[in-house]
C-alpha atoms as a PDB file:
ATOM      1  CA  MET A   1     107.036 -90.580 -33.736  1.00  0.00           C
ATOM      2  CA  GLN A   2     104.074 -88.950 -35.566  1.00  0.00           C
ATOM      3  CA  GLN A   3     102.139 -92.157 -36.094  1.00  0.00           C
ATOM      4  CA  PRO A   4     100.979 -92.655 -32.513  1.00  0.00           C
ATOM      5  CA  VAL A   5      99.563 -89.162 -32.519  1.00  0.00           C
ATOM      6  CA  ASN A   6      97.573 -89.926 -35.638  1.00  0.00           C
ATOM      7  CA  THR A   7      96.281 -93.123 -34.087  1.00  0.00           C
ATOM      8  CA  VAL A   8      95.091 -91.295 -30.981  1.00  0.00           C
ATOM      9  CA  SER A   9      93.548 -88.588 -33.125  1.00  0.00           C
ATOM     10  CA  ASN A  10      91.648 -91.063 -35.218  1.00  0.00           C
ATOM     11  CA  THR A  11      90.486 -92.953 -32.176  1.00  0.00           C
ATOM     12  CA  VAL A  12      89.209 -89.806 -30.484  1.00  0.00           C
ATOM     13  CA  SER A  13      87.584 -88.640 -33.725  1.00  0.00           C
ATOM     14  CA  ASN A  14      85.786 -91.928 -34.245  1.00  0.00           C
ATOM     15  CA  THR A  15      84.691 -92.095 -30.635  1.00  0.00           C
ATOM     16  CA  VAL A  16      83.306 -88.576 -30.677  1.00  0.00           C
ATOM     17  CA  SER A  17      81.651 -89.147 -34.048  1.00  0.00           C
ATOM     18  CA  ASN A  18      80.004 -92.345 -32.903  1.00  0.00           C
ATOM     19  CA  THR A  19      78.895 -90.791 -29.627  1.00  0.00           C
ATOM     20  CA  VAL A  20      77.389 -87.770 -31.347  1.00  0.00           C
ATOM     21  CA  SER A  21      75.787 -89.946 -33.997  1.00  0.00           C
ATOM     22  CA  ASN A  22      74.235 -92.272 -31.439  1.00  0.00           C
ATOM     23  CA  THR A  23      73.079 -89.371 -29.287  1.00  0.00           C
ATOM     24  CA  VAL A  24      71.482 -87.562 -32.225  1.00  0.00           C
ATOM     25  CA  SER A  25      69.945 -90.806 -33.475  1.00  0.00           C
ATOM     26  CA  ASN A  26      68.488 -91.656 -30.086  1.00  0.00           C
ATOM     27  CA  THR A  27      67.265 -88.089 -29.557  1.00  0.00           C
ATOM     28  CA  VAL A  28      65.625 -87.970 -32.963  1.00  0.00           C
ATOM     29  CA  SER A  29      64.163 -91.461 -32.495  1.00  0.00           C
ATOM     30  CA  ASN A  30      62.737 -90.620 -29.065  1.00  0.00           C
ATOM     31  CA  THR A  31      61.450 -87.264 -30.287  1.00  0.00           C
ATOM     32  CA  VAL A  32      59.756 -88.820 -33.304  1.00  0.00           C
ATOM     33  CA  SER A  33      58.412 -91.677 -31.184  1.00  0.00           C
ATOM     34  CA  ASN A  34      57.010 -89.316 -28.552  1.00  0.00           C
ATOM     35  CA  THR A  35      55.581 -86.993 -31.200  1.00  0.00           C
ATOM     36  CA  VAL A  36      53.903 -89.835 -33.048  1.00  0.00           C
ATOM     37  CA  SER A  37      52.640 -91.335 -29.768  1.00  0.00           C
ATOM     38  CA  ASN A  38      51.220 -88.039 -28.571  1.00  0.00           C
ATOM     39  CA  THR A  39      49.714 -87.284 -31.966  1.00  0.00           C
ATOM     40  CA  VAL A  40      48.043 -90.699 -32.163  1.00  0.00           C
ATOM     41  CA  SER A  41      46.900 -90.464 -28.540  1.00  0.00           C
ATOM     42  CA  ASN A  42      45.423 -86.997 -29.024  1.00  0.00           C
ATOM     43  CA  THR A  43      43.817 -87.982 -32.323  1.00  0.00           C
ATOM     44  CA  VAL A  44      42.220 -91.081 -30.829  1.00  0.00           C
ATOM     45  CA  SER A  45      41.153 -89.154 -27.721  1.00  0.00           C
ATOM     46  CA  ASN A  46      39.595 -86.359 -29.757  1.00  0.00           C
ATOM     47  CA  THR A  47      37.927 -88.815 -32.134  1.00  0.00           C
ATOM     48  CA  VAL A  48      36.430 -90.821 -29.265  1.00  0.00           C
ATOM     49  CA  SER A  49      35.401 -87.642 -27.450  1.00  0.00           C
ATOM     50  CA  ASN A  50      33.731 -86.185 -30.532  1.00  0.00           C
ATOM     51  CA  THR A  51      32.058 -89.499 -31.378  1.00  0.00           C
ATOM     52  CA  VAL A  52      30.671 -89.885 -27.846  1.00  0.00           C
ATOM     53  CA  SER A  53      29.629 -86.227 -27.743  1.00  0.00           C
ATOM     54  CA  ASN A  54      27.854 -86.437 -31.088  1.00  0.00           C
ATOM     55  CA  THR A  55      26.221 -89.757 -30.196  1.00  0.00           C
ATOM     56  CA  VAL A  56      24.932 -88.420 -26.855  1.00  0.00           C
ATOM     57  CA  SER A  57      23.812 -85.182 -28.488  1.00  0.00           C
ATOM     58  CA  ASN A  58      21.962 -86.987 -31.270  1.00  0.00           C
ATOM     59  CA  THR A  59      20.427 -89.487 -28.856  1.00  0.00           C
ATOM     60  CA  VAL A  60      19.176 -86.722 -26.524  1.00  0.00           C
ATOM     61  CA  SER A  61      17.946 -84.679 -29.473  1.00  0.00           C
ATOM     62  CA  ASN A  62      16.083 -87.619 -31.006  1.00  0.00           C
ATOM     63  CA  THR A  63      14.657 -88.663 -27.636  1.00  0.00           C
ATOM     64  CA  VAL A  64      13.369 -85.154 -26.884  1.00  0.00           C
ATOM     65  CA  SER A  65      12.034 -84.806 -30.422  1.00  0.00           C
ATOM     66  CA  ASN A  66      10.210 -88.147 -30.293  1.00  0.00           C
ATOM     67  CA  THR A  67       8.866 -87.461 -26.797  1.00  0.00           C
ATOM     68  CA  VAL A  68       7.475 -84.072 -27.797  1.00  0.00           C
ATOM     69  CA  SER A  69       6.062 -85.501 -31.023  1.00  0.00           C
ATOM     70  CA  ASN A  70       4.380 -88.413 -29.251  1.00  0.00           C
ATOM     71  CA  THR A  71       3.039 -86.164 -26.496  1.00  0.00           C
ATOM     72  CA  VAL A  72       1.489 -83.759 -28.978  1.00  0.00           C
ATOM     73  CA  SER A  73       0.122 -86.642 -31.053  1.00  0.00           C
ATOM     74  CA  ASN A  74      -1.439 -88.346 -28.048  1.00  0.00           C
ATOM     75  CA  THR A  75      -2.883 -85.075 -26.744  1.00  0.00           C
ATOM     76  CA  VAL A  76      -4.531 -84.312 -30.072  1.00  0.00           C
ATOM     77  CA  SER A  77      -5.790 -87.898 -30.352  1.00  0.00           C
ATOM     78  CA  ILE A  78      -7.329 -87.915 -26.874  1.00  0.00           C
ATOM     79  CA  SER A  79      -8.974 -84.480 -27.038  1.00  0.00           C
ATOM     80  CA  SER A  80     -12.601 -84.259 -28.074  1.00  0.00           C
ATOM     81  CA  PRO A  81     -15.527 -81.906 -27.509  1.00  0.00           C
ATOM     82  CA  LEU A  82     -17.102 -84.397 -25.122  1.00  0.00           C
ATOM     83  CA  SER A  83     -13.990 -84.903 -22.969  1.00  0.00           C
ATOM     84  CA  ASN A  84     -13.401 -81.158 -22.820  1.00  0.00           C
ATOM     85  CA  ALA A  85     -16.990 -80.544 -21.859  1.00  0.00           C
ATOM     86  CA  THR A  86     -16.869 -82.875 -18.849  1.00  0.00           C
ATOM     87  CA  ASN A  87     -14.477 -80.659 -16.911  1.00  0.00           C
ATOM     88  CA  PHE A  88     -17.022 -78.106 -15.779  1.00  0.00           C
ATOM     89  CA  SER A  89     -15.877 -75.170 -13.641  1.00  0.00           C
ATOM     90  CA  SER A  90     -16.691 -71.499 -13.352  1.00  0.00           C
ATOM     91  CA  SER A  91     -13.804 -70.702 -15.722  1.00  0.00           C
ATOM     92  CA  HIS A  92     -14.707 -73.387 -18.295  1.00  0.00           C
ATOM     93  CA  GLN A  93     -14.981 -72.179 -21.861  1.00  0.00           C
ATOM     94  CA  ALA A  94     -17.384 -73.784 -24.344  1.00  0.00           C
ATOM     95  CA  PRO A  95     -15.770 -75.931 -27.084  1.00  0.00           C
ATOM     96  CA  SER A  96     -14.913 -73.971 -30.217  1.00  0.00           C
ATOM     97  CA  ILE A  97     -16.516 -76.665 -32.370  1.00  0.00           C
ATOM     98  CA  THR A  98     -20.052 -77.603 -31.348  1.00  0.00           C
ATOM     99  CA  ALA A  99     -20.953 -81.267 -31.735  1.00  0.00           C
ATOM    100  CA  GLN A 100     -23.543 -81.969 -34.382  1.00  0.00           C
ATOM    101  CA  LEU A 101     -27.011 -82.746 -33.055  1.00  0.00           C
ATOM    102  CA  THR A 102     -27.578 -86.442 -33.724  1.00  0.00           C
ATOM    103  CA  SER A 103     -30.016 -89.147 -32.719  1.00  0.00           C
ATOM    104  CA  SER A 104     -27.791 -89.861 -29.723  1.00  0.00           C
ATOM    105  CA  ALA A 105     -27.824 -86.272 -28.448  1.00  0.00           C
ATOM    106  CA  PRO A 106     -29.852 -87.068 -25.279  1.00  0.00           C
ATOM    107  CA  SER A 107     -27.514 -89.909 -24.309  1.00  0.00           C
ATOM    108  CA  VAL A 108     -24.432 -87.824 -25.117  1.00  0.00           C
ATOM    109  CA  ALA A 109     -25.675 -85.070 -22.813  1.00  0.00           C
ATOM    110  CA  ALA A 110     -26.549 -87.563 -20.063  1.00  0.00           C
ATOM    111  CA  ARG A 111     -23.158 -89.248 -20.311  1.00  0.00           C
ATOM    112  CA  ALA A 112     -21.318 -85.923 -20.152  1.00  0.00           C
ATOM    113  CA  ALA A 113     -23.267 -84.853 -17.084  1.00  0.00           C
ATOM    114  CA  SER A 114     -22.677 -88.185 -15.364  1.00  0.00           C
ATOM    115  CA  ARG A 115     -18.938 -88.034 -15.947  1.00  0.00           C
ATOM    116  CA  ALA A 116     -18.644 -84.484 -14.640  1.00  0.00           C
ATOM    117  CA  ALA A 117     -20.873 -84.928 -11.590  1.00  0.00           C
ATOM    118  CA  HIS A 118     -19.378 -84.840  -8.110  1.00  0.00           C
ATOM    119  CA  GLY A 119     -20.187 -87.024  -5.140  1.00  0.00           C
ATOM    120  CA  ARG A 120     -21.975 -84.136  -3.462  1.00  0.00           C
ATOM    121  CA  SER A 121     -23.494 -80.854  -4.596  1.00  0.00           C
ATOM    122  CA  VAL A 122     -21.295 -77.845  -5.260  1.00  0.00           C
ATOM    123  CA  GLY A 123     -24.275 -75.564  -5.842  1.00  0.00           C
ATOM    124  CA  ARG A 124     -23.814 -75.307  -9.621  1.00  0.00           C
ATOM    125  CA  CYS A 125     -26.518 -77.555 -11.096  1.00  0.00           C
ATOM    126  CA  ALA A 126     -27.484 -75.050 -13.818  1.00  0.00           C
ATOM    127  CA  LEU A 127     -23.882 -74.760 -15.004  1.00  0.00           C
ATOM    128  CA  TYR A 128     -23.225 -78.490 -15.123  1.00  0.00           C
ATOM    129  CA  VAL A 129     -26.452 -79.491 -16.873  1.00  0.00           C
ATOM    130  CA  ARG A 130     -26.141 -76.591 -19.300  1.00  0.00           C
ATOM    131  CA  LYS A 131     -22.586 -77.646 -20.269  1.00  0.00           C
ATOM    132  CA  ALA A 132     -23.724 -81.242 -20.709  1.00  0.00           C
ATOM    133  CA  LEU A 133     -26.530 -80.217 -23.042  1.00  0.00           C
ATOM    134  CA  GLN A 134     -24.252 -77.934 -25.035  1.00  0.00           C
ATOM    135  CA  SER A 135     -21.666 -80.702 -25.406  1.00  0.00           C
ATOM    136  CA  ALA A 136     -24.341 -82.758 -27.210  1.00  0.00           C
ATOM    137  CA  GLY A 137     -25.040 -79.930 -29.648  1.00  0.00           C
ATOM    138  CA  TYR A 138     -28.089 -78.271 -28.073  1.00  0.00           C
ATOM    139  CA  GLU A 139     -28.081 -74.534 -28.701  1.00  0.00           C
ATOM    140  CA  PHE A 140     -29.630 -71.982 -26.366  1.00  0.00           C
ATOM    141  CA  THR A 141     -28.825 -68.891 -24.339  1.00  0.00           C
ATOM    142  CA  PRO A 142     -27.394 -69.868 -20.934  1.00  0.00           C
ATOM    143  CA  LYS A 143     -29.432 -68.888 -17.889  1.00  0.00           C
ATOM    144  CA  PRO A 144     -28.052 -67.987 -14.459  1.00  0.00           C
ATOM    145  CA  SER A 145     -30.762 -69.884 -12.558  1.00  0.00           C
ATOM    146  CA  ALA A 146     -31.960 -73.446 -12.988  1.00  0.00           C
ATOM    147  CA  TYR A 147     -35.707 -72.685 -12.887  1.00  0.00           C
ATOM    148  CA  GLN A 148     -35.374 -70.365 -15.899  1.00  0.00           C
ATOM    149  CA  TYR A 149     -34.690 -73.281 -18.244  1.00  0.00           C
ATOM    150  CA  ALA A 150     -38.317 -74.342 -17.921  1.00  0.00           C
ATOM    151  CA  HIS A 151     -39.510 -71.008 -19.287  1.00  0.00           C
ATOM    152  CA  GLY A 152     -38.807 -71.301 -22.992  1.00  0.00           C
ATOM    153  CA  THR A 153     -35.110 -72.252 -23.010  1.00  0.00           C
ATOM    154  CA  LEU A 154     -35.459 -76.045 -23.170  1.00  0.00           C
ATOM    155  CA  ALA A 155     -38.413 -75.744 -25.549  1.00  0.00           C
ATOM    156  CA  GLY A 156     -36.348 -73.560 -27.853  1.00  0.00           C
ATOM    157  CA  ALA A 157     -33.531 -76.119 -27.785  1.00  0.00           C
ATOM    158  CA  GLY A 158     -35.854 -78.879 -29.023  1.00  0.00           C
ATOM    159  CA  PHE A 159     -37.259 -80.377 -25.811  1.00  0.00           C
ATOM    160  CA  THR A 160     -40.937 -81.031 -25.213  1.00  0.00           C
ATOM    161  CA  LYS A 161     -42.578 -80.873 -21.813  1.00  0.00           C
ATOM    162  CA  ILE A 162     -44.234 -84.194 -20.987  1.00  0.00           C
ATOM    163  CA  SER A 163     -46.637 -85.298 -18.279  1.00  0.00           C
ATOM    164  CA  SER A 164     -45.227 -86.267 -14.913  1.00  0.00           C
ATOM    165  CA  ASP A 165     -48.165 -88.637 -14.261  1.00  0.00           C
ATOM    166  CA  ASN A 166     -46.942 -92.250 -14.073  1.00  0.00           C
ATOM    167  CA  TYR A 167     -43.629 -90.903 -15.309  1.00  0.00           C
ATOM    168  CA  GLU A 168     -40.878 -93.356 -16.241  1.00  0.00           C
ATOM    169  CA  PRO A 169     -37.562 -91.663 -17.083  1.00  0.00           C
ATOM    170  CA  GLN A 170     -35.614 -92.157 -20.283  1.00  0.00           C
ATOM    171  CA  VAL A 171     -31.946 -91.371 -20.874  1.00  0.00           C
ATOM    172  CA  GLY A 172     -31.497 -87.667 -21.501  1.00  0.00           C
ATOM    173  CA  ASP A 173     -34.732 -86.533 -19.831  1.00  0.00           C
ATOM    174  CA  VAL A 174     -34.388 -83.203 -18.033  1.00  0.00           C
ATOM    175  CA  VAL A 175     -36.354 -82.203 -14.926  1.00  0.00           C
ATOM    176  CA  VAL A 176     -36.583 -78.632 -13.670  1.00  0.00           C
ATOM    177  CA  PHE A 177     -37.738 -77.870 -10.129  1.00  0.00           C
ATOM    178  CA  ASN A 178     -39.514 -74.608  -9.447  1.00  0.00           C
ATOM    179  CA  ARG A 179     -37.827 -72.064  -7.227  1.00  0.00           C
ATOM    180  CA  THR A 180     -38.890 -71.446  -3.648  1.00  0.00           C
ATOM    181  CA  SER A 181     -38.041 -68.862  -1.004  1.00  0.00           C
ATOM    182  CA  ARG A 182     -35.543 -71.337   0.405  1.00  0.00           C
ATOM    183  CA  ASN A 183     -34.151 -72.306  -3.024  1.00  0.00           C
ATOM    184  CA  PRO A 184     -34.486 -69.151  -5.155  1.00  0.00           C
ATOM    185  CA  HIS A 185     -32.651 -70.646  -8.149  1.00  0.00           C
ATOM    186  CA  GLY A 186     -34.622 -73.880  -8.313  1.00  0.00           C
ATOM    187  CA  HIS A 187     -32.893 -77.036  -9.544  1.00  0.00           C
ATOM    188  CA  ILE A 188     -32.215 -78.801 -12.845  1.00  0.00           C
ATOM    189  CA  GLN A 189     -31.150 -82.424 -13.391  1.00  0.00           C
ATOM    190  CA  ILE A 190     -30.736 -84.977 -16.183  1.00  0.00           C
ATOM    191  CA  TYR A 191     -31.257 -88.744 -16.229  1.00  0.00           C
ATOM    192  CA  ASP A 192     -28.235 -90.851 -17.243  1.00  0.00           C
ATOM    193  CA  GLY A 193     -30.036 -94.197 -17.461  1.00  0.00           C
ATOM    194  CA  SER A 194     -29.487 -95.281 -13.883  1.00  0.00           C
ATOM    195  CA  GLN A 195     -29.754 -92.157 -11.735  1.00  0.00           C
ATOM    196  CA  TRP A 196     -30.407 -88.441 -11.787  1.00  0.00           C
ATOM    197  CA  VAL A 197     -27.371 -86.178 -12.011  1.00  0.00           C
ATOM    198  CA  SER A 198     -26.800 -82.448 -11.909  1.00  0.00           C
ATOM    199  CA  ASP A 199     -23.592 -81.066 -10.446  1.00  0.00           C
ATOM    200  CA  TYR A 200     -23.560 -84.264  -8.360  1.00  0.00           C
ATOM    201  CA  ARG A 201     -24.876 -87.811  -8.536  1.00  0.00           C
ATOM    202  CA  GLN A 202     -28.217 -87.777  -6.760  1.00  0.00           C
ATOM    203  CA  THR A 203     -29.401 -90.711  -4.649  1.00  0.00           C
ATOM    204  CA  LYS A 204     -33.064 -89.916  -5.300  1.00  0.00           C
ATOM    205  CA  PHE A 205     -35.285 -88.107  -7.756  1.00  0.00           C
ATOM    206  CA  SER A 206     -35.792 -84.908  -5.745  1.00  0.00           C
ATOM    207  CA  PRO A 207     -32.868 -83.157  -4.043  1.00  0.00           C
ATOM    208  CA  TYR A 208     -35.334 -81.563  -1.618  1.00  0.00           C
ATOM    209  CA  SER A 209     -37.389 -82.966   1.239  1.00  0.00           C
ATOM    210  CA  GLN A 210     -40.129 -80.582   0.051  1.00  0.00           C
ATOM    211  CA  HIS A 211     -40.448 -78.827  -3.285  1.00  0.00           C
ATOM    212  CA  ASN A 212     -42.752 -76.507  -5.158  1.00  0.00           C
ATOM    213  CA  GLY A 213     -43.381 -78.652  -8.221  1.00  0.00           C
ATOM    214  CA  TYR A 214     -41.359 -79.557 -11.288  1.00  0.00           C
ATOM    215  CA  THR A 215     -41.608 -80.090 -15.047  1.00  0.00           C
ATOM    216  CA  VAL A 216     -40.256 -82.956 -17.143  1.00  0.00           C
ATOM    217  CA  TRP A 217     -38.609 -82.333 -20.504  1.00  0.00           C
ATOM    218  CA  ARG A 218     -37.716 -84.802 -23.264  1.00  0.00           C
ATOM    219  CA  ASP A 219     -36.188 -84.484 -26.720  1.00  0.00           C
ATOM    220  CA  THR A 220     -38.980 -86.326 -28.508  1.00  0.00           C
ATOM    221  CA  ARG A 221     -37.215 -85.989 -31.861  1.00  0.00           C
ATOM    222  CA  HIS A 222     -34.853 -88.756 -30.821  1.00  0.00           C
ATOM    223  CA  THR A 223     -36.827 -90.838 -28.322  1.00  0.00           C
ATOM    224  CA  ASP A 224     -40.318 -92.311 -28.455  1.00  0.00           C
ATOM    225  CA  ALA A 225     -42.293 -90.347 -25.873  1.00  0.00           C
ATOM    226  CA  SER A 226     -45.063 -92.949 -25.895  1.00  0.00           C
ATOM    227  CA  ALA A 227     -42.737 -95.907 -25.386  1.00  0.00           C
ATOM    228  CA  ASN A 228     -43.278 -95.933 -21.636  1.00  0.00           C
ATOM    229  CA  THR A 229     -46.730 -96.902 -20.399  1.00  0.00           C
ATOM    230  CA  GLY A 230     -48.594 -93.931 -19.037  1.00  0.00           C
ATOM    231  CA  THR A 231     -46.186 -91.365 -20.493  1.00  0.00           C
ATOM    232  CA  MET A 232     -48.025 -88.885 -22.694  1.00  0.00           C
ATOM    233  CA  LEU A 233     -47.075 -85.627 -24.300  1.00  0.00           C
ATOM    234  CA  ALA A 234     -48.355 -82.592 -22.460  1.00  0.00           C
ATOM    235  CA  LEU A 235     -49.105 -79.123 -23.733  1.00  0.00           C
ATOM    236  CA  ASN A 236     -46.014 -76.988 -23.693  1.00  0.00           C
ATOM    237  CA  ASP A 237     -47.606 -74.274 -21.586  1.00  0.00           C
ATOM    238  CA  GLN A 238     -45.759 -72.215 -19.015  1.00  0.00           C
END
């Protein structure tokens, strides 16, 4: 009668063993599968995240670097004594490097004045013409009033006073109007080849309906003062 007991015992033992084995196997399999899946998922996620982050960071860095580099390069390329000199204001500082005086100095000064001139007067003719002349390389001590430039300043800078009889203007010629009780500072202007300019583009030779005389100045070192019929050099008296 012992054999049936053994049979039951073996059956129970095998059943329990198989159940435990299958349970452990499935548990281990699922655990390993989940662990591997999570590890791969996290690895891929982190790799993609780092790759995107580094790519964006490098792209932004390179873009900013190139933008700054190009901006600085273009700014340096565009800047010049002449372009700086055309922005005339009460706070304007003279260029640190003065342009060399060349055969084109009168035209350089005229062009600078023309570019800086306004559509109407701002009451700063002496400042604007002075800056234009300095931008072309003329050296002199600045004067607060326009009429003062006719009393030794232009002559010292290399200009010669010429006759106003039958006068025909040349590019770079400077005219100084005497002061009056109504205009105590006088007026100074320069010819740009088509019109007279000072702190504004003038529609006619004289800015006044009435004036107290004027003098004409030309840099005869770079232009032929006798080229125009009737234009003769005058004594440089005051």
